[in-house]
């Protein structure tokens, strides 16, 4: 698959809009919670059901992407995203304008997020499997890195655009309406322009269907440690993201700034983190041509350093710099464990492993955000200390786990030698994917 082709641009846009919408929502959620007068822990906990649904449905959508085709499942996921964002916006508007009580409005917002939990994982699973179907082993790491960078770019666009959509009539709900409209536009493009996701997939050696071959894969020694590592990384990231908005609101409140006025400062912090992620995924990874094992080591180490900085560097600028360092670490780590797990299994298991990787997103936002915000309410440094301990374990796993230390096995059909047409690595963006 040519990573500069229109098809890959469409897949990139799907991940971009989904990540942008979710981060735009994440950037305004603390201010909405404070406007409603709700406890910070309740704001984080109300969305745990969405993460639970994401986790439970990810394996299902992985199987459906094998049966129905990648494109159809991608469209289902986009439809869920659009309905969730629009419903969340309507409920938020009703609460902020006083049409509904805060408790009722927030309950409806949680229901809208549950809709996203049910259907939202379908699009990224299908996108990842679509790319895996059409890339050689030689291209896989860079292809997954570029696809993951769409999420990084989305985290730039979401918080950066969110303040511009906080308008007099729609207020803090404006970003949700905007990204629902963007999602509808991308859905139309996928429907009309994306080639069919149906390819001939190699059956398993046992002759079983793909959906059956992938069952129990989470226990498989080939991918088990990648999943463990990924869960620790994404769990720590979820804590950082969930605490960030409240942390900045409280830092700015020292100078007398209201929660709603702190919104641009939250956006700047998220923008800094996203820019750091893109620097890694668009610049450093292609330039250094790191393999999954190296990506995971650098990722866990930098994320650990960022959380330690959060403990010792108070103030708004300290918060921003520490969050950027954490984001750099995640920028290395995510394509590392995603590509590593994909390379560790055969062609007939790509849909299943994509589902497992997407399940991590749900699991990481199931308990960690609630725990992190509760720790933050107890003591400001507490969530960052807890993250530091968790990430120290992730670093240790990189060096003591045999599968992670040696990287994916050298399968007989795999040729990872760069082709003669591979351009110099000094150029930005993915290299050698012609």
Protein backbone atom coordinates (compact mmCIF):
# COMPACT_ATOMS: atom_id res chain seq x y z
CA UNK A 1 0.00 0.00 0.00
CA UNK A 2 1.41 3.36 -1.03
CA UNK A 3 1.26 5.56 2.07
CA UNK A 4 0.90 8.62 -0.11
CA UNK A 5 -2.13 7.20 -1.90
CA UNK A 6 -5.64 8.69 -1.60
CA UNK A 7 -6.78 5.56 0.28
CA UNK A 8 -4.21 6.04 3.03
CA UNK A 9 -5.04 9.75 3.24
CA UNK A 10 -8.66 8.78 3.89
CA UNK A 11 -7.66 6.31 6.61
CA UNK A 12 -5.42 8.97 8.11
CA UNK A 13 -8.34 11.42 8.12
CA UNK A 14 -10.63 8.94 9.89
CA UNK A 15 -8.19 8.63 12.79
CA UNK A 16 -7.50 12.36 12.69
CA UNK A 17 -11.13 13.43 13.11
CA UNK A 18 -11.89 10.85 15.80
CA UNK A 19 -8.84 11.84 17.85
CA UNK A 20 -9.49 15.55 17.31
CA UNK A 21 -13.10 15.28 18.44
CA UNK A 22 -12.25 13.29 21.54
CA UNK A 23 -9.46 15.63 22.59
CA UNK A 24 -11.66 18.67 21.96
CA UNK A 25 -14.24 17.11 24.26
CA UNK A 26 -11.55 16.26 26.79
CA UNK A 27 -10.31 19.85 26.76
CA UNK A 28 -13.74 21.35 27.60
CA UNK A 29 -14.98 18.58 29.91
CA UNK A 30 -13.32 19.89 33.10
CA UNK A 31 -14.81 23.35 32.54
CA UNK A 32 -18.27 21.86 31.89
CA UNK A 33 -18.00 19.81 35.08
CA UNK A 34 -17.03 22.85 37.10
CA UNK A 35 -19.88 24.89 35.54
CA UNK A 36 -22.30 22.13 36.53
CA UNK A 37 -20.88 22.13 40.06
CA UNK A 38 -19.98 18.42 39.89
CA UNK A 39 -17.14 16.72 41.74
CA UNK A 40 -14.06 16.12 39.58
CA UNK A 41 -14.15 12.40 40.34
CA UNK A 42 -17.77 12.18 39.21
CA UNK A 43 -16.89 13.87 35.94
CA UNK A 44 -14.16 11.28 35.32
CA UNK A 45 -16.21 8.36 36.62
CA UNK A 46 -19.33 9.07 34.57
CA UNK A 47 -17.45 8.12 31.41
CA UNK A 48 -16.05 4.84 32.69
CA UNK A 49 -19.09 3.10 31.18
CA UNK A 50 -18.01 4.38 27.76
CA UNK A 51 -14.54 2.91 28.24
CA UNK A 52 -16.09 -0.37 29.40
CA UNK A 53 -18.24 -0.58 26.28
CA UNK A 54 -15.19 0.19 24.12
CA UNK A 55 -13.26 -2.63 25.77
CA UNK A 56 -16.08 -5.15 25.44
CA UNK A 57 -16.96 -4.35 21.85
CA UNK A 58 -13.42 -4.05 20.38
CA UNK A 59 -13.00 -7.84 19.84
CA UNK A 60 -16.47 -7.94 18.29
CA UNK A 61 -15.62 -5.20 15.78
CA UNK A 62 -12.34 -6.95 15.01
CA UNK A 63 -14.29 -10.08 14.03
CA UNK A 64 -16.81 -8.00 12.09
CA UNK A 65 -14.02 -6.33 10.13
CA UNK A 66 -12.99 -9.81 8.96
CA UNK A 67 -16.55 -10.84 8.08
CA UNK A 68 -18.10 -7.62 6.75
CA UNK A 69 -14.96 -6.01 5.37
CA UNK A 70 -12.86 -3.15 6.69
CA UNK A 71 -14.76 -0.39 4.90
CA UNK A 72 -18.22 -1.29 6.21
CA UNK A 73 -17.02 -1.54 9.80
CA UNK A 74 -15.18 1.76 9.42
CA UNK A 75 -18.43 3.44 8.36
CA UNK A 76 -20.28 1.96 11.33
CA UNK A 77 -17.65 3.38 13.67
CA UNK A 78 -17.86 6.81 12.09
CA UNK A 79 -21.64 6.76 12.44
CA UNK A 80 -21.28 6.04 16.15
CA UNK A 81 -18.80 8.90 16.51
CA UNK A 82 -21.13 11.37 14.80
CA UNK A 83 -24.15 10.38 16.90
CA UNK A 84 -22.15 10.48 20.11
CA UNK A 85 -20.63 13.92 19.51
CA UNK A 86 -23.93 15.47 18.43
CA UNK A 87 -25.82 13.92 21.36
CA UNK A 88 -23.17 15.04 23.83
CA UNK A 89 -23.34 18.58 22.47
CA UNK A 90 -27.12 18.74 22.74
CA UNK A 91 -27.09 17.47 26.32
CA UNK A 92 -24.32 19.90 27.31
CA UNK A 93 -26.19 22.83 25.75
CA UNK A 94 -29.38 21.87 27.57
CA UNK A 95 -27.55 21.81 30.90
CA UNK A 96 -25.49 24.96 30.40
CA UNK A 97 -28.54 26.96 29.23
CA UNK A 98 -30.64 25.72 32.14
CA UNK A 99 -33.16 23.83 30.01
CA UNK A 100 -32.37 20.71 32.03
CA UNK A 101 -30.98 20.22 35.50
CA UNK A 102 -27.26 19.60 35.73
CA UNK A 103 -27.74 15.99 36.90
CA UNK A 104 -30.13 15.13 34.04
CA UNK A 105 -27.97 16.85 31.43
CA UNK A 106 -24.82 15.14 32.62
CA UNK A 107 -26.57 11.76 32.61
CA UNK A 108 -27.53 12.33 28.97
CA UNK A 109 -23.94 13.31 28.20
CA UNK A 110 -22.77 10.02 29.72
CA UNK A 111 -25.33 8.14 27.59
CA UNK A 112 -23.97 9.86 24.48
CA UNK A 113 -20.46 8.79 25.39
CA UNK A 114 -21.69 5.25 25.93
CA UNK A 115 -22.88 5.30 22.32
CA UNK A 116 -19.33 6.11 21.31
CA UNK A 117 -18.08 3.28 23.52
CA UNK A 118 -20.33 0.83 21.68
CA UNK A 119 -19.39 1.85 18.13
CA UNK A 120 -16.31 4.07 18.33
CA UNK A 121 -13.67 1.32 18.32
CA UNK A 122 -14.92 -0.01 14.98
CA UNK A 123 -13.28 2.70 12.86
CA UNK A 124 -9.70 2.55 14.24
CA UNK A 125 -9.76 -1.26 14.31
CA UNK A 126 -10.84 -1.43 10.68
CA UNK A 127 -8.30 1.24 9.69
CA UNK A 128 -5.41 -0.60 11.36
CA UNK A 129 -6.44 -3.93 9.85
CA UNK A 130 -6.93 -2.28 6.42
CA UNK A 131 -3.33 -1.05 6.53
CA UNK A 132 -2.01 -4.39 7.84
CA UNK A 133 -3.73 -6.16 4.93
CA UNK A 134 -1.89 -4.01 2.41
CA UNK A 135 1.62 -3.50 3.80
CA UNK A 136 4.62 -5.79 3.76
CA UNK A 137 6.48 -6.62 6.94
CA UNK A 138 9.18 -4.21 5.79
CA UNK A 139 6.67 -1.35 5.73
CA UNK A 140 4.59 -2.27 8.77
CA UNK A 141 6.34 -0.32 11.52
CA UNK A 142 6.44 2.93 9.58
CA UNK A 143 2.88 2.46 8.32
CA UNK A 144 1.59 1.96 11.85
CA UNK A 145 3.67 4.90 13.05
CA UNK A 146 2.15 7.17 10.43
CA UNK A 147 -1.36 5.94 11.17
CA UNK A 148 -0.74 6.48 14.89
CA UNK A 149 0.54 9.98 14.11
CA UNK A 150 -2.94 10.82 12.83
CA UNK A 151 -4.07 10.54 16.43
CA UNK A 152 -1.23 12.85 17.40
CA UNK A 153 -2.24 15.39 14.77
CA UNK A 154 -5.84 15.06 15.94
CA UNK A 155 -4.77 15.94 19.45
CA UNK A 156 -3.25 19.11 17.98
CA UNK A 157 -6.32 20.04 15.97
CA UNK A 158 -8.88 19.23 18.66
CA UNK A 159 -7.63 21.43 21.52
CA UNK A 160 -6.40 24.12 19.09
CA UNK A 161 -9.79 24.47 17.38
CA UNK A 162 -11.97 23.95 20.46
CA UNK A 163 -11.74 27.56 21.76
CA UNK A 164 -12.79 28.92 18.35
CA UNK A 165 -16.02 26.91 18.49
CA UNK A 166 -16.94 28.08 22.00
CA UNK A 167 -19.42 30.59 20.61
CA UNK A 168 -22.11 32.71 22.31
CA UNK A 169 -25.07 30.53 21.30
CA UNK A 170 -23.57 27.04 21.64
CA UNK A 171 -21.03 27.85 24.36
CA UNK A 172 -18.76 25.03 25.57
CA UNK A 173 -20.77 22.52 23.51
CA UNK A 174 -19.70 24.15 20.23
CA UNK A 175 -16.66 21.91 19.62
CA UNK A 176 -18.86 18.80 19.76
CA UNK A 177 -21.19 20.13 17.06
CA UNK A 178 -18.22 21.07 14.88
CA UNK A 179 -16.56 17.67 15.06
CA UNK A 180 -19.86 15.89 14.48
CA UNK A 181 -20.05 17.83 11.20
CA UNK A 182 -16.43 16.96 10.36
CA UNK A 183 -17.22 13.31 11.06
CA UNK A 184 -20.19 13.40 8.71
CA UNK A 185 -17.98 14.79 5.94
CA UNK A 186 -15.37 12.05 6.43
CA UNK A 187 -18.10 9.38 6.46
CA UNK A 188 -19.25 10.58 3.05
CA UNK A 189 -15.67 10.46 1.72
CA UNK A 190 -15.17 6.90 3.04
CA UNK A 191 -18.44 5.80 1.45
CA UNK A 192 -17.70 7.34 -1.93
CA UNK A 193 -13.92 7.27 -2.26
CA UNK A 194 -12.32 4.51 -0.19
CA UNK A 195 -11.70 1.28 -2.15
CA UNK A 196 -13.37 -1.77 -0.69
CA UNK A 197 -11.66 -3.21 2.35
CA UNK A 198 -12.26 -6.75 1.15
CA UNK A 199 -9.05 -8.66 0.42
CA UNK A 200 -8.20 -12.34 0.27
CA UNK A 201 -6.99 -13.11 3.79
CA UNK A 202 -4.79 -16.13 4.36
CA UNK A 203 -6.55 -18.74 6.51
CA UNK A 204 -4.95 -20.06 9.66
CA UNK A 205 -2.81 -23.22 9.41
CA UNK A 206 -5.60 -25.14 11.14
CA UNK A 207 -8.07 -24.05 8.51
CA UNK A 208 -10.30 -22.24 10.99
CA UNK A 209 -12.01 -18.95 10.22
CA UNK A 210 -10.10 -15.81 11.16
CA UNK A 211 -12.50 -14.89 13.94
CA UNK A 212 -11.95 -18.29 15.56
CA UNK A 213 -8.19 -18.21 15.04
CA UNK A 214 -7.92 -14.97 16.99
CA UNK A 215 -9.71 -16.24 20.10
CA UNK A 216 -7.51 -16.36 23.18
CA UNK A 217 -4.79 -14.34 21.42
CA UNK A 218 -4.40 -12.15 24.50
CA UNK A 219 -2.91 -15.18 26.31
CA UNK A 220 -0.52 -15.96 23.45
CA UNK A 221 3.15 -15.54 24.52
CA UNK A 222 3.83 -13.78 21.23
CA UNK A 223 1.66 -10.76 22.13
CA UNK A 224 0.97 -11.05 25.88
CA UNK A 225 3.86 -8.84 26.99
CA UNK A 226 3.10 -6.27 24.30
CA UNK A 227 -0.41 -6.02 25.72
CA UNK A 228 0.88 -5.71 29.29
CA UNK A 229 3.30 -2.98 28.28
CA UNK A 230 0.64 -1.19 26.22
CA UNK A 231 -1.83 -1.29 29.10
CA UNK A 232 0.68 0.35 31.44
CA UNK A 233 1.59 3.05 28.91
CA UNK A 234 -1.98 3.88 27.91
CA UNK A 235 -3.17 3.73 31.53
CA UNK A 236 -0.54 6.25 32.59
CA UNK A 237 -1.38 8.45 29.62
CA UNK A 238 -5.08 8.32 30.51
CA UNK A 239 -4.27 9.59 34.01
CA UNK A 240 -2.18 12.44 32.61
CA UNK A 241 -4.90 13.47 30.17
CA UNK A 242 -7.73 13.26 32.70
CA UNK A 243 -5.89 15.25 35.37
CA UNK A 244 -4.48 17.89 33.01
CA UNK A 245 -7.57 20.09 32.67
CA UNK A 246 -8.34 20.17 36.39
CA UNK A 247 -4.67 20.80 37.17
CA UNK A 248 -4.49 23.82 34.87
CA UNK A 249 -7.81 25.23 36.11
CA UNK A 250 -6.49 25.07 39.66
CA UNK A 251 -3.13 26.57 38.71
CA UNK A 252 -4.84 29.49 36.95
CA UNK A 253 -7.33 29.90 39.81
CA UNK A 254 -4.42 30.99 42.01
CA UNK A 255 -4.43 34.22 39.97
CA UNK A 256 -8.21 34.57 40.20
CA UNK A 257 -9.10 33.11 36.80
CA UNK A 258 -12.49 31.36 36.41
CA UNK A 259 -12.75 27.81 35.06
CA UNK A 260 -14.32 28.90 31.76
CA UNK A 261 -11.54 31.45 31.22
CA UNK A 262 -8.86 28.79 31.62
CA UNK A 263 -10.03 26.97 28.48
CA UNK A 264 -7.42 28.54 26.14
CA UNK A 265 -4.64 27.59 28.57
CA UNK A 266 -5.83 23.98 28.60
CA UNK A 267 -5.80 24.06 24.80
CA UNK A 268 -2.23 25.38 24.74
CA UNK A 269 -1.06 22.59 27.06
CA UNK A 270 -2.74 19.91 24.95
CA UNK A 271 -1.32 21.53 21.82
CA UNK A 272 2.19 21.35 23.28
CA UNK A 273 1.75 17.68 24.10
CA UNK A 274 0.39 16.87 20.67
CA UNK A 275 3.19 18.80 18.95
CA UNK A 276 5.72 16.77 20.94
CA UNK A 277 4.04 13.54 19.81
CA UNK A 278 4.12 14.63 16.16
CA UNK A 279 7.78 15.63 16.40
CA UNK A 280 8.50 12.07 17.49
CA UNK A 281 6.26 10.25 15.01
CA UNK A 282 6.87 12.44 11.96
CA UNK A 283 10.48 13.35 12.60
CA UNK A 284 12.47 11.22 15.03
CA UNK A 285 11.04 7.77 14.26
CA UNK A 286 11.52 8.01 10.46
CA UNK A 287 14.92 9.65 10.91
CA UNK A 288 16.27 7.15 13.44
CA UNK A 289 14.42 4.15 11.94
CA UNK A 290 13.97 2.62 15.37
CA UNK A 291 12.57 -0.87 15.74
CA UNK A 292 9.67 -1.72 18.11
CA UNK A 293 11.93 -2.75 21.02
CA UNK A 294 13.80 0.57 20.92
CA UNK A 295 10.59 2.56 20.54
CA UNK A 296 9.14 0.96 23.64
CA UNK A 297 12.25 1.58 25.76
CA UNK A 298 12.50 5.24 24.80
CA UNK A 299 8.76 5.67 25.18
CA UNK A 300 8.48 4.33 28.71
CA UNK A 301 11.62 6.18 29.82
CA UNK A 302 10.46 9.58 28.55
CA UNK A 303 6.95 9.14 29.95
CA UNK A 304 8.52 8.30 33.31
CA UNK A 305 10.70 11.43 33.15
CA UNK A 306 7.69 13.62 32.33
CA UNK A 307 5.71 12.39 35.33
CA UNK A 308 8.68 12.96 37.63
CA UNK A 309 8.88 16.51 36.28
CA UNK A 310 5.21 17.02 37.18
CA UNK A 311 6.05 16.21 40.78
CA UNK A 312 8.96 18.64 41.11
CA UNK A 313 7.98 21.44 38.67
CA UNK A 314 4.85 23.29 39.86
CA UNK A 315 3.21 26.18 38.04
CA UNK A 316 1.51 26.42 34.66
CA UNK A 317 4.67 26.26 32.55
CA UNK A 318 5.96 23.32 34.54
CA UNK A 319 2.69 21.50 33.86
CA UNK A 320 2.95 22.21 30.12
CA UNK A 321 6.59 21.10 29.75
CA UNK A 322 6.06 17.93 31.79
CA UNK A 323 2.98 17.00 29.74
CA UNK A 324 4.96 17.55 26.52
CA UNK A 325 7.69 15.15 27.71
CA UNK A 326 5.07 12.54 28.63
CA UNK A 327 3.54 12.97 25.16
CA UNK A 328 6.94 12.44 23.53
CA UNK A 329 7.23 9.18 25.39
CA UNK A 330 3.80 8.00 24.30
CA UNK A 331 4.70 9.06 20.73
CA UNK A 332 7.55 6.54 20.78
CA UNK A 333 5.74 3.84 22.75
CA UNK A 334 2.42 3.53 20.92
CA UNK A 335 3.75 2.65 17.45
CA UNK A 336 6.31 0.43 19.18
CA UNK A 337 3.88 -1.94 20.86
CA UNK A 338 1.32 -1.65 18.05
CA UNK A 339 3.76 -2.56 15.29
CA UNK A 340 5.54 -5.10 17.48
CA UNK A 341 2.37 -7.03 18.20
CA UNK A 342 1.32 -6.88 14.55
CA UNK A 343 4.68 -8.24 13.38
CA UNK A 344 4.59 -10.98 16.01
CA UNK A 345 1.55 -12.70 14.47
CA UNK A 346 0.61 -14.06 11.07
CA UNK A 347 -1.55 -12.50 8.33
CA UNK A 348 -4.68 -14.39 9.41
CA UNK A 349 -4.48 -12.84 12.91
CA UNK A 350 -4.18 -9.15 11.97
CA UNK A 351 -7.85 -8.36 12.61
CA UNK A 352 -7.71 -10.03 16.02
CA UNK A 353 -4.52 -8.28 17.13
CA UNK A 354 -5.92 -4.94 15.95
CA UNK A 355 -8.96 -5.58 18.16
CA UNK A 356 -6.72 -6.31 21.13
CA UNK A 357 -4.76 -3.09 20.60
CA UNK A 358 -7.99 -1.10 20.46
CA UNK A 359 -9.20 -2.80 23.63
CA UNK A 360 -6.29 -1.17 25.42
CA UNK A 361 -7.81 2.24 24.69
CA UNK A 362 -10.98 1.20 26.49
CA UNK A 363 -9.22 -0.47 29.40
CA UNK A 364 -6.94 2.50 29.94
CA UNK A 365 -9.91 4.86 30.30
CA UNK A 366 -11.94 2.47 32.44
CA UNK A 367 -10.27 2.75 35.83
CA UNK A 368 -7.11 4.90 35.57
CA UNK A 369 -8.81 8.31 34.97
CA UNK A 370 -11.10 7.85 37.98
CA UNK A 371 -8.20 6.71 40.14
CA UNK A 372 -5.98 9.51 38.86
CA UNK A 373 -8.53 12.28 39.48
CA UNK A 374 -9.35 10.84 42.92
CA UNK A 375 -5.64 10.87 43.77
CA UNK A 376 -5.40 14.44 42.48
CA UNK A 377 -8.29 15.56 44.73
CA UNK A 378 -6.46 13.93 47.66
CA UNK A 379 -3.02 15.38 46.85
CA UNK A 380 -1.81 17.25 43.77
CA UNK A 381 1.42 15.22 43.20
CA UNK A 382 -0.23 11.84 43.95
CA UNK A 383 -1.32 10.83 40.39
CA UNK A 384 2.12 11.66 39.00
CA UNK A 385 3.87 9.65 41.71
CA UNK A 386 1.58 6.69 40.95
CA UNK A 387 2.30 7.05 37.22
CA UNK A 388 6.03 7.12 37.89
CA UNK A 389 5.84 3.82 39.72
CA UNK A 390 3.74 2.27 36.92
CA UNK A 391 6.08 3.48 34.19
CA UNK A 392 9.14 2.26 36.09
CA UNK A 393 7.60 -1.21 35.83
CA UNK A 394 7.02 -0.66 32.09
CA UNK A 395 10.70 0.20 31.64
CA UNK A 396 11.67 -2.96 33.51
CA UNK A 397 9.37 -5.09 31.34
CA UNK A 398 11.16 -3.81 28.23
CA UNK A 399 14.46 -5.21 29.47
CA UNK A 400 13.36 -8.33 31.31
CA UNK A 401 10.65 -9.67 28.97
CA UNK A 402 12.25 -11.94 26.38
CA UNK A 403 9.72 -11.19 23.57
CA UNK A 404 10.06 -7.43 24.07
CA UNK A 405 13.82 -7.52 24.46
CA UNK A 406 14.51 -9.43 21.25
CA UNK A 407 11.61 -7.99 19.22
CA UNK A 408 9.23 -9.82 16.83
CA UNK A 409 10.43 -13.19 15.51
CA UNK A 410 11.97 -13.49 12.06
CA UNK A 411 9.16 -15.36 10.32
CA UNK A 412 10.03 -17.33 7.15
CA UNK A 413 7.92 -15.12 4.87
CA UNK A 414 9.21 -11.88 6.35
CA UNK A 415 11.85 -9.80 4.58
CA UNK A 416 12.71 -6.67 6.54
CA UNK A 417 15.66 -5.59 4.39
CA UNK A 418 15.08 -2.01 3.14
CA UNK A 419 14.59 -1.82 -0.60
CA UNK A 420 17.00 0.01 -2.90
CA UNK A 421 14.37 2.69 -3.47
CA UNK A 422 14.33 3.67 0.21
CA UNK A 423 15.03 7.45 0.28
CA UNK A 424 17.37 9.11 2.81
CA UNK A 425 16.02 9.11 6.34
CA UNK A 426 16.77 12.80 6.73
CA UNK A 427 13.48 13.67 5.04
CA UNK A 428 10.43 14.17 7.27
CA UNK A 429 7.58 11.69 7.16
CA UNK A 430 7.55 7.95 6.45
CA UNK A 431 10.40 6.72 4.33
CA UNK A 432 10.71 3.72 2.07
CA UNK A 433 6.98 3.15 1.52
CA UNK A 434 6.68 3.31 -2.21
